[in-house]
């Protein structure tokens, strides 16, 4: 991963962590989007970070480089499996 991409990813994660309304700002700026119930995609540069929210905690589920417009099913399945583990604890 290039230094530029690392900085973008770090900034996006810090924004979620530090700002009370960080997620709302990310969605408003179209920097994040909802993929399905309880599964979201953060989109800094070409990197995609799939995450969920539970009990006011942001859980990072999976990170990958996106090469097409559509999120690959394989990557979604990894995130879904991890999300289900978190929600079924």
PDB file of N, CA and C in Angstrom:
ATOM      1  N   UNK A   1       0.846  -1.169   0.000  1.00  0.00           N
ATOM      2  CA  UNK A   1       0.000   0.000   0.000  1.00  0.00           C
ATOM      3  C   UNK A   1       0.899   1.242   0.000  1.00  0.00           C
ATOM      4  N   UNK A   2       0.579   2.197  -0.827  1.00  0.00           N
ATOM      5  CA  UNK A   2       1.403   3.410  -0.903  1.00  0.00           C
ATOM      6  C   UNK A   2       1.217   4.260   0.360  1.00  0.00           C
ATOM      7  N   UNK A   3       2.168   5.139   0.590  1.00  0.00           N
ATOM      8  CA  UNK A   3       2.089   6.024   1.760  1.00  0.00           C
ATOM      9  C   UNK A   3       0.855   6.919   1.666  1.00  0.00           C
ATOM     10  N   UNK A   4       0.553   7.384   0.480  1.00  0.00           N
ATOM     11  CA  UNK A   4      -0.612   8.242   0.272  1.00  0.00           C
ATOM     12  C   UNK A   4      -1.902   7.507   0.656  1.00  0.00           C
ATOM     13  N   UNK A   5      -2.021   6.265   0.234  1.00  0.00           N
ATOM     14  CA  UNK A   5      -3.200   5.462   0.550  1.00  0.00           C
ATOM     15  C   UNK A   5      -3.267   5.174   2.042  1.00  0.00           C
ATOM     16  N   UNK A   6      -2.121   4.867   2.657  1.00  0.00           N
ATOM     17  CA  UNK A   6      -2.079   4.616   4.097  1.00  0.00           C
ATOM     18  C   UNK A   6      -2.578   5.833   4.875  1.00  0.00           C
ATOM     19  N   UNK A   7      -2.178   7.013   4.429  1.00  0.00           N
ATOM     20  CA  UNK A   7      -2.610   8.244   5.102  1.00  0.00           C
ATOM     21  C   UNK A   7      -4.115   8.431   4.983  1.00  0.00           C
ATOM     22  N   UNK A   8      -4.667   8.150   3.803  1.00  0.00           N
ATOM     23  CA  UNK A   8      -6.111   8.286   3.607  1.00  0.00           C
ATOM     24  C   UNK A   8      -6.883   7.322   4.493  1.00  0.00           C
ATOM     25  N   UNK A   9      -6.406   6.092   4.573  1.00  0.00           N
ATOM     26  CA  UNK A   9      -7.062   5.087   5.421  1.00  0.00           C
ATOM     27  C   UNK A   9      -6.976   5.506   6.886  1.00  0.00           C
ATOM     28  N   UNK A  10      -5.804   5.928   7.307  1.00  0.00           N
ATOM     29  CA  UNK A  10      -5.603   6.358   8.696  1.00  0.00           C
ATOM     30  C   UNK A  10      -6.499   7.538   9.035  1.00  0.00           C
ATOM     31  N   UNK A  11      -6.583   8.520   8.138  1.00  0.00           N
ATOM     32  CA  UNK A  11      -7.440   9.685   8.376  1.00  0.00           C
ATOM     33  C   UNK A  11      -8.910   9.284   8.509  1.00  0.00           C
ATOM     34  N   UNK A  12      -9.352   8.380   7.662  1.00  0.00           N
ATOM     35  CA  UNK A  12     -10.751   7.938   7.716  1.00  0.00           C
ATOM     36  C   UNK A  12     -11.044   7.233   9.031  1.00  0.00           C
ATOM     37  N   UNK A  13     -10.128   6.377   9.471  1.00  0.00           N
ATOM     38  CA  UNK A  13     -10.330   5.654  10.730  1.00  0.00           C
ATOM     39  C   UNK A  13     -10.263   6.601  11.926  1.00  0.00           C
ATOM     40  N   UNK A  14      -9.352   7.558  11.879  1.00  0.00           N
ATOM     41  CA  UNK A  14      -9.258   8.539  12.968  1.00  0.00           C
ATOM     42  C   UNK A  14     -10.516   9.390  13.045  1.00  0.00           C
ATOM     43  N   UNK A  15     -11.063   9.695  11.898  1.00  0.00           N
ATOM     44  CA  UNK A  15     -12.290  10.497  11.862  1.00  0.00           C
ATOM     45  C   UNK A  15     -13.438   9.765  12.555  1.00  0.00           C
ATOM     46  N   UNK A  16     -13.550   8.481  12.304  1.00  0.00           N
ATOM     47  CA  UNK A  16     -14.581   7.683  12.971  1.00  0.00           C
ATOM     48  C   UNK A  16     -14.333   7.659  14.476  1.00  0.00           C
ATOM     49  N   UNK A  17     -13.078   7.465  14.860  1.00  0.00           N
ATOM     50  CA  UNK A  17     -12.723   7.320  16.264  1.00  0.00           C
ATOM     51  C   UNK A  17     -12.894   8.621  17.053  1.00  0.00           C
ATOM     52  N   UNK A  18     -12.454   9.739  16.487  1.00  0.00           N
ATOM     53  CA  UNK A  18     -12.378  10.979  17.244  1.00  0.00           C
ATOM     54  C   UNK A  18     -13.647  11.829  17.206  1.00  0.00           C
ATOM     55  N   UNK A  19     -14.306  11.871  16.072  1.00  0.00           N
ATOM     56  CA  UNK A  19     -15.460  12.741  15.942  1.00  0.00           C
ATOM     57  C   UNK A  19     -16.716  12.039  16.435  1.00  0.00           C
ATOM     58  N   UNK A  20     -17.478  12.737  17.217  1.00  0.00           N
ATOM     59  CA  UNK A  20     -18.724  12.160  17.716  1.00  0.00           C
ATOM     60  C   UNK A  20     -19.660  11.854  16.551  1.00  0.00           C
ATOM     61  N   UNK A  21     -19.669  12.755  15.580  1.00  0.00           N
ATOM     62  CA  UNK A  21     -20.521  12.551  14.410  1.00  0.00           C
ATOM     63  C   UNK A  21     -19.693  12.161  13.186  1.00  0.00           C
ATOM     64  N   UNK A  22     -18.577  11.521  13.418  1.00  0.00           N
ATOM     65  CA  UNK A  22     -17.672  11.142  12.340  1.00  0.00           C
ATOM     66  C   UNK A  22     -18.319  10.294  11.269  1.00  0.00           C
ATOM     67  N   UNK A  23     -19.116   9.324  11.673  1.00  0.00           N
ATOM     68  CA  UNK A  23     -19.771   8.467  10.696  1.00  0.00           C
ATOM     69  C   UNK A  23     -20.788   9.242   9.876  1.00  0.00           C
ATOM     70  N   UNK A  24     -21.552  10.097  10.528  1.00  0.00           N
ATOM     71  CA  UNK A  24     -22.542  10.898   9.804  1.00  0.00           C
ATOM     72  C   UNK A  24     -21.853  11.757   8.748  1.00  0.00           C
ATOM     73  N   UNK A  25     -20.716  12.345   9.102  1.00  0.00           N
ATOM     74  CA  UNK A  25     -19.966  13.156   8.147  1.00  0.00           C
ATOM     75  C   UNK A  25     -19.439  12.316   6.991  1.00  0.00           C
ATOM     76  N   UNK A  26     -18.994  11.112   7.276  1.00  0.00           N
ATOM     77  CA  UNK A  26     -18.482  10.235   6.220  1.00  0.00           C
ATOM     78  C   UNK A  26     -19.591   9.854   5.247  1.00  0.00           C
ATOM     79  N   UNK A  27     -20.783   9.565   5.772  1.00  0.00           N
ATOM     80  CA  UNK A  27     -21.905   9.216   4.900  1.00  0.00           C
ATOM     81  C   UNK A  27     -22.348  10.430   4.080  1.00  0.00           C
ATOM     82  N   UNK A  28     -22.392  11.594   4.719  1.00  0.00           N
ATOM     83  CA  UNK A  28     -22.804  12.819   4.029  1.00  0.00           C
ATOM     84  C   UNK A  28     -21.839  13.165   2.895  1.00  0.00           C
ATOM     85  N   UNK A  29     -20.567  12.916   3.093  1.00  0.00           N
ATOM     86  CA  UNK A  29     -19.549  13.209   2.083  1.00  0.00           C
ATOM     87  C   UNK A  29     -19.404  12.073   1.071  1.00  0.00           C
ATOM     88  N   UNK A  30     -20.260  11.077   1.168  1.00  0.00           N
ATOM     89  CA  UNK A  30     -20.216   9.897   0.296  1.00  0.00           C
ATOM     90  C   UNK A  30     -18.863   9.202   0.351  1.00  0.00           C
ATOM     91  N   UNK A  31     -18.273   9.206   1.543  1.00  0.00           N
ATOM     92  CA  UNK A  31     -16.990   8.556   1.802  1.00  0.00           C
ATOM     93  C   UNK A  31     -17.227   7.176   2.393  1.00  0.00           C
ATOM     94  N   UNK A  32     -18.486   6.946   2.768  1.00  0.00           N
ATOM     95  CA  UNK A  32     -18.906   5.655   3.288  1.00  0.00           C
ATOM     96  C   UNK A  32     -20.321   5.407   2.802  1.00  0.00           C
ATOM     97  N   UNK A  33     -20.680   4.128   2.678  1.00  0.00           N
ATOM     98  CA  UNK A  33     -22.045   3.824   2.259  1.00  0.00           C
ATOM     99  C   UNK A  33     -22.513   2.527   2.903  1.00  0.00           C
ATOM    100  N   UNK A  34     -23.823   2.418   3.004  1.00  0.00           N
ATOM    101  CA  UNK A  34     -24.432   1.222   3.561  1.00  0.00           C
ATOM    102  C   UNK A  34     -24.565   0.199   2.438  1.00  0.00           C
ATOM    103  N   UNK A  35     -24.069  -1.011   2.682  1.00  0.00           N
ATOM    104  CA  UNK A  35     -24.168  -2.073   1.685  1.00  0.00           C
ATOM    105  C   UNK A  35     -25.403  -2.931   1.919  1.00  0.00           C
ATOM    106  N   UNK A  36     -25.649  -3.213   3.183  1.00  0.00           N
ATOM    107  CA  UNK A  36     -26.817  -3.999   3.587  1.00  0.00           C
ATOM    108  C   UNK A  36     -27.021  -3.785   5.072  1.00  0.00           C
ATOM    109  N   UNK A  37     -28.006  -4.449   5.652  1.00  0.00           N
ATOM    110  CA  UNK A  37     -28.292  -4.252   7.069  1.00  0.00           C
ATOM    111  C   UNK A  37     -27.039  -4.516   7.911  1.00  0.00           C
ATOM    112  N   UNK A  38     -26.638  -3.524   8.683  1.00  0.00           N
ATOM    113  CA  UNK A  38     -25.496  -3.621   9.598  1.00  0.00           C
ATOM    114  C   UNK A  38     -24.160  -3.878   8.912  1.00  0.00           C
ATOM    115  N   UNK A  39     -24.036  -3.564   7.635  1.00  0.00           N
ATOM    116  CA  UNK A  39     -22.766  -3.721   6.927  1.00  0.00           C
ATOM    117  C   UNK A  39     -22.513  -2.483   6.065  1.00  0.00           C
ATOM    118  N   UNK A  40     -21.367  -1.849   6.318  1.00  0.00           N
ATOM    119  CA  UNK A  40     -21.036  -0.593   5.672  1.00  0.00           C
ATOM    120  C   UNK A  40     -19.667  -0.685   5.014  1.00  0.00           C
ATOM    121  N   UNK A  41     -19.444   0.217   4.062  1.00  0.00           N
ATOM    122  CA  UNK A  41     -18.186   0.247   3.329  1.00  0.00           C
ATOM    123  C   UNK A  41     -17.588   1.645   3.430  1.00  0.00           C
ATOM    124  N   UNK A  42     -16.377   1.712   3.908  1.00  0.00           N
ATOM    125  CA  UNK A  42     -15.606   2.945   3.966  1.00  0.00           C
ATOM    126  C   UNK A  42     -14.716   2.959   2.728  1.00  0.00           C
ATOM    127  N   UNK A  43     -14.662   4.102   2.027  1.00  0.00           N
ATOM    128  CA  UNK A  43     -14.012   4.108   0.716  1.00  0.00           C
ATOM    129  C   UNK A  43     -12.885   5.134   0.576  1.00  0.00           C
ATOM    130  N   UNK A  44     -11.819   5.006   1.374  1.00  0.00           N
ATOM    131  CA  UNK A  44     -10.685   5.898   1.148  1.00  0.00           C
ATOM    132  C   UNK A  44      -9.832   5.375  -0.010  1.00  0.00           C
ATOM    133  N   UNK A  45      -9.761   6.143  -1.084  1.00  0.00           N
ATOM    134  CA  UNK A  45      -8.979   5.786  -2.261  1.00  0.00           C
ATOM    135  C   UNK A  45      -9.508   4.489  -2.869  1.00  0.00           C
ATOM    136  N   UNK A  46      -8.636   3.575  -3.281  1.00  0.00           N
ATOM    137  CA  UNK A  46      -9.068   2.292  -3.854  1.00  0.00           C
ATOM    138  C   UNK A  46      -9.264   1.236  -2.782  1.00  0.00           C
ATOM    139  N   UNK A  47      -8.918   1.560  -1.555  1.00  0.00           N
ATOM    140  CA  UNK A  47      -9.052   0.613  -0.451  1.00  0.00           C
ATOM    141  C   UNK A  47     -10.495   0.612   0.012  1.00  0.00           C
ATOM    142  N   UNK A  48     -10.997  -0.552   0.355  1.00  0.00           N
ATOM    143  CA  UNK A  48     -12.344  -0.674   0.900  1.00  0.00           C
ATOM    144  C   UNK A  48     -12.244  -1.314   2.280  1.00  0.00           C
ATOM    145  N   UNK A  49     -12.922  -0.696   3.230  1.00  0.00           N
ATOM    146  CA  UNK A  49     -12.960  -1.215   4.590  1.00  0.00           C
ATOM    147  C   UNK A  49     -14.410  -1.519   4.911  1.00  0.00           C
ATOM    148  N   UNK A  50     -14.702  -2.770   5.139  1.00  0.00           N
ATOM    149  CA  UNK A  50     -16.060  -3.167   5.491  1.00  0.00           C
ATOM    150  C   UNK A  50     -16.161  -3.187   7.007  1.00  0.00           C
ATOM    151  N   UNK A  51     -17.224  -2.575   7.530  1.00  0.00           N
ATOM    152  CA  UNK A  51     -17.367  -2.467   8.968  1.00  0.00           C
ATOM    153  C   UNK A  51     -18.821  -2.575   9.387  1.00  0.00           C
ATOM    154  N   UNK A  52     -19.019  -2.773  10.683  1.00  0.00           N
ATOM    155  CA  UNK A  52     -20.355  -2.804  11.263  1.00  0.00           C
ATOM    156  C   UNK A  52     -20.344  -1.989  12.544  1.00  0.00           C
ATOM    157  N   UNK A  53     -21.513  -1.682  13.036  1.00  0.00           N
ATOM    158  CA  UNK A  53     -21.664  -0.943  14.289  1.00  0.00           C
ATOM    159  C   UNK A  53     -22.501  -1.779  15.245  1.00  0.00           C
ATOM    160  N   UNK A  54     -22.003  -1.903  16.474  1.00  0.00           N
ATOM    161  CA  UNK A  54     -22.755  -2.619  17.496  1.00  0.00           C
ATOM    162  C   UNK A  54     -22.426  -1.993  18.846  1.00  0.00           C
ATOM    163  N   UNK A  55     -23.464  -1.611  19.574  1.00  0.00           N
ATOM    164  CA  UNK A  55     -23.299  -1.009  20.901  1.00  0.00           C
ATOM    165  C   UNK A  55     -22.349   0.190  20.863  1.00  0.00           C
ATOM    166  N   UNK A  56     -22.532   1.056  19.889  1.00  0.00           N
ATOM    167  CA  UNK A  56     -21.725   2.274  19.709  1.00  0.00           C
ATOM    168  C   UNK A  56     -20.250   1.990  19.455  1.00  0.00           C
ATOM    169  N   UNK A  57     -19.946   0.794  18.996  1.00  0.00           N
ATOM    170  CA  UNK A  57     -18.573   0.417  18.651  1.00  0.00           C
ATOM    171  C   UNK A  57     -18.521   0.129  17.153  1.00  0.00           C
ATOM    172  N   UNK A  58     -17.504   0.673  16.517  1.00  0.00           N
ATOM    173  CA  UNK A  58     -17.288   0.416  15.101  1.00  0.00           C
ATOM    174  C   UNK A  58     -16.328  -0.772  14.975  1.00  0.00           C
ATOM    175  N   UNK A  59     -16.805  -1.844  14.395  1.00  0.00           N
ATOM    176  CA  UNK A  59     -16.009  -3.060  14.219  1.00  0.00           C
ATOM    177  C   UNK A  59     -15.528  -3.134  12.769  1.00  0.00           C
ATOM    178  N   UNK A  60     -14.211  -3.110  12.589  1.00  0.00           N
ATOM    179  CA  UNK A  60     -13.633  -3.251  11.251  1.00  0.00           C
ATOM    180  C   UNK A  60     -13.599  -4.740  10.923  1.00  0.00           C
ATOM    181  N   UNK A  61     -14.253  -5.110   9.841  1.00  0.00           N
ATOM    182  CA  UNK A  61     -14.434  -6.526   9.517  1.00  0.00           C
ATOM    183  C   UNK A  61     -13.457  -7.038   8.461  1.00  0.00           C
ATOM    184  N   UNK A  62     -13.184  -6.201   7.469  1.00  0.00           N
ATOM    185  CA  UNK A  62     -12.376  -6.685   6.345  1.00  0.00           C
ATOM    186  C   UNK A  62     -11.857  -5.488   5.557  1.00  0.00           C
ATOM    187  N   UNK A  63     -10.641  -5.597   5.047  1.00  0.00           N
ATOM    188  CA  UNK A  63     -10.051  -4.553   4.219  1.00  0.00           C
ATOM    189  C   UNK A  63      -9.484  -5.200   2.963  1.00  0.00           C
ATOM    190  N   UNK A  64      -9.697  -4.539   1.818  1.00  0.00           N
ATOM    191  CA  UNK A  64      -9.191  -5.076   0.554  1.00  0.00           C
ATOM    192  C   UNK A  64      -9.102  -3.946  -0.466  1.00  0.00           C
ATOM    193  N   UNK A  65      -8.406  -4.214  -1.571  1.00  0.00           N
ATOM    194  CA  UNK A  65      -8.335  -3.269  -2.678  1.00  0.00           C
ATOM    195  C   UNK A  65      -9.465  -3.584  -3.644  1.00  0.00           C
ATOM    196  N   UNK A  66     -10.252  -2.587  -3.965  1.00  0.00           N
ATOM    197  CA  UNK A  66     -11.384  -2.775  -4.869  1.00  0.00           C
ATOM    198  C   UNK A  66     -10.958  -2.417  -6.285  1.00  0.00           C
ATOM    199  N   UNK A  67     -11.198  -3.329  -7.205  1.00  0.00           N
ATOM    200  CA  UNK A  67     -10.760  -3.122  -8.582  1.00  0.00           C
ATOM    201  C   UNK A  67     -11.931  -2.912  -9.539  1.00  0.00           C
ATOM    202  N   UNK A  68     -13.155  -3.163  -9.065  1.00  0.00           N
ATOM    203  CA  UNK A  68     -14.341  -2.977  -9.903  1.00  0.00           C
ATOM    204  C   UNK A  68     -15.353  -2.120  -9.156  1.00  0.00           C
ATOM    205  N   UNK A  69     -16.403  -1.709  -9.836  1.00  0.00           N
ATOM    206  CA  UNK A  69     -17.429  -0.893  -9.197  1.00  0.00           C
ATOM    207  C   UNK A  69     -18.241  -1.678  -8.173  1.00  0.00           C
ATOM    208  N   UNK A  70     -18.460  -2.937  -8.450  1.00  0.00           N
ATOM    209  CA  UNK A  70     -19.262  -3.781  -7.566  1.00  0.00           C
ATOM    210  C   UNK A  70     -18.361  -4.456  -6.528  1.00  0.00           C
ATOM    211  N   UNK A  71     -18.829  -4.493  -5.286  1.00  0.00           N
ATOM    212  CA  UNK A  71     -18.059  -5.165  -4.236  1.00  0.00           C
ATOM    213  C   UNK A  71     -18.127  -6.678  -4.471  1.00  0.00           C
ATOM    214  N   UNK A  72     -16.977  -7.339  -4.590  1.00  0.00           N
ATOM    215  CA  UNK A  72     -16.970  -8.780  -4.862  1.00  0.00           C
ATOM    216  C   UNK A  72     -17.670  -9.593  -3.770  1.00  0.00           C
ATOM    217  N   UNK A  73     -18.412 -10.597  -4.189  1.00  0.00           N
ATOM    218  CA  UNK A  73     -19.163 -11.455  -3.271  1.00  0.00           C
ATOM    219  C   UNK A  73     -18.224 -12.121  -2.271  1.00  0.00           C
ATOM    220  N   UNK A  74     -17.056 -12.529  -2.722  1.00  0.00           N
ATOM    221  CA  UNK A  74     -16.072 -13.180  -1.835  1.00  0.00           C
ATOM    222  C   UNK A  74     -15.724 -12.263  -0.660  1.00  0.00           C
ATOM    223  N   UNK A  75     -15.500 -10.992  -0.955  1.00  0.00           N
ATOM    224  CA  UNK A  75     -15.147 -10.033   0.100  1.00  0.00           C
ATOM    225  C   UNK A  75     -16.335  -9.774   1.024  1.00  0.00           C
ATOM    226  N   UNK A  76     -17.520  -9.687   0.450  1.00  0.00           N
ATOM    227  CA  UNK A  76     -18.727  -9.512   1.260  1.00  0.00           C
ATOM    228  C   UNK A  76     -18.944 -10.698   2.200  1.00  0.00           C
ATOM    229  N   UNK A  77     -18.697 -11.893   1.703  1.00  0.00           N
ATOM    230  CA  UNK A  77     -18.896 -13.093   2.527  1.00  0.00           C
ATOM    231  C   UNK A  77     -17.948 -13.129   3.721  1.00  0.00           C
ATOM    232  N   UNK A  78     -16.712 -12.683   3.523  1.00  0.00           N
ATOM    233  CA  UNK A  78     -15.759 -12.615   4.637  1.00  0.00           C
ATOM    234  C   UNK A  78     -16.301 -11.672   5.704  1.00  0.00           C
ATOM    235  N   UNK A  79     -16.751 -10.496   5.288  1.00  0.00           N
ATOM    236  CA  UNK A  79     -17.280  -9.510   6.227  1.00  0.00           C
ATOM    237  C   UNK A  79     -18.548 -10.018   6.909  1.00  0.00           C
ATOM    238  N   UNK A  80     -19.431 -10.653   6.152  1.00  0.00           N
ATOM    239  CA  UNK A  80     -20.680 -11.186   6.731  1.00  0.00           C
ATOM    240  C   UNK A  80     -20.388 -12.223   7.808  1.00  0.00           C
ATOM    241  N   UNK A  81     -19.443 -13.102   7.535  1.00  0.00           N
ATOM    242  CA  UNK A  81     -19.089 -14.148   8.504  1.00  0.00           C
ATOM    243  C   UNK A  81     -18.571 -13.527   9.799  1.00  0.00           C
ATOM    244  N   UNK A  82     -17.714 -12.547   9.673  1.00  0.00           N
ATOM    245  CA  UNK A  82     -17.157 -11.882  10.864  1.00  0.00           C
ATOM    246  C   UNK A  82     -18.234 -11.082  11.595  1.00  0.00           C
ATOM    247  N   UNK A  83     -19.112 -10.428  10.836  1.00  0.00           N
ATOM    248  CA  UNK A  83     -20.209  -9.670  11.428  1.00  0.00           C
ATOM    249  C   UNK A  83     -21.123 -10.598  12.225  1.00  0.00           C
ATOM    250  N   UNK A  84     -21.451 -11.743  11.635  1.00  0.00           N
ATOM    251  CA  UNK A  84     -22.307 -12.711  12.326  1.00  0.00           C
ATOM    252  C   UNK A  84     -21.671 -13.204  13.607  1.00  0.00           C
ATOM    253  N   UNK A  85     -20.370 -13.388  13.604  1.00  0.00           N
ATOM    254  CA  UNK A  85     -19.662 -13.788  14.830  1.00  0.00           C
ATOM    255  C   UNK A  85     -19.828 -12.734  15.918  1.00  0.00           C
ATOM    256  N   UNK A  86     -19.671 -11.477  15.547  1.00  0.00           N
ATOM    257  CA  UNK A  86     -19.783 -10.372  16.512  1.00  0.00           C
ATOM    258  C   UNK A  86     -21.210 -10.265  17.050  1.00  0.00           C
ATOM    259  N   UNK A  87     -22.197 -10.371  16.176  1.00  0.00           N
ATOM    260  CA  UNK A  87     -23.583 -10.207  16.613  1.00  0.00           C
ATOM    261  C   UNK A  87     -24.132 -11.411  17.360  1.00  0.00           C
ATOM    262  N   UNK A  88     -23.490 -12.558  17.200  1.00  0.00           N
ATOM    263  CA  UNK A  88     -23.981 -13.774  17.880  1.00  0.00           C
ATOM    264  C   UNK A  88     -23.212 -14.111  19.136  1.00  0.00           C
ATOM    265  N   UNK A  89     -22.349 -13.205  19.604  1.00  0.00           N
ATOM    266  CA  UNK A  89     -21.588 -13.437  20.827  1.00  0.00           C
ATOM    267  C   UNK A  89     -22.502 -13.428  22.009  1.00  0.00           C
TER     268      UNK A  89
END
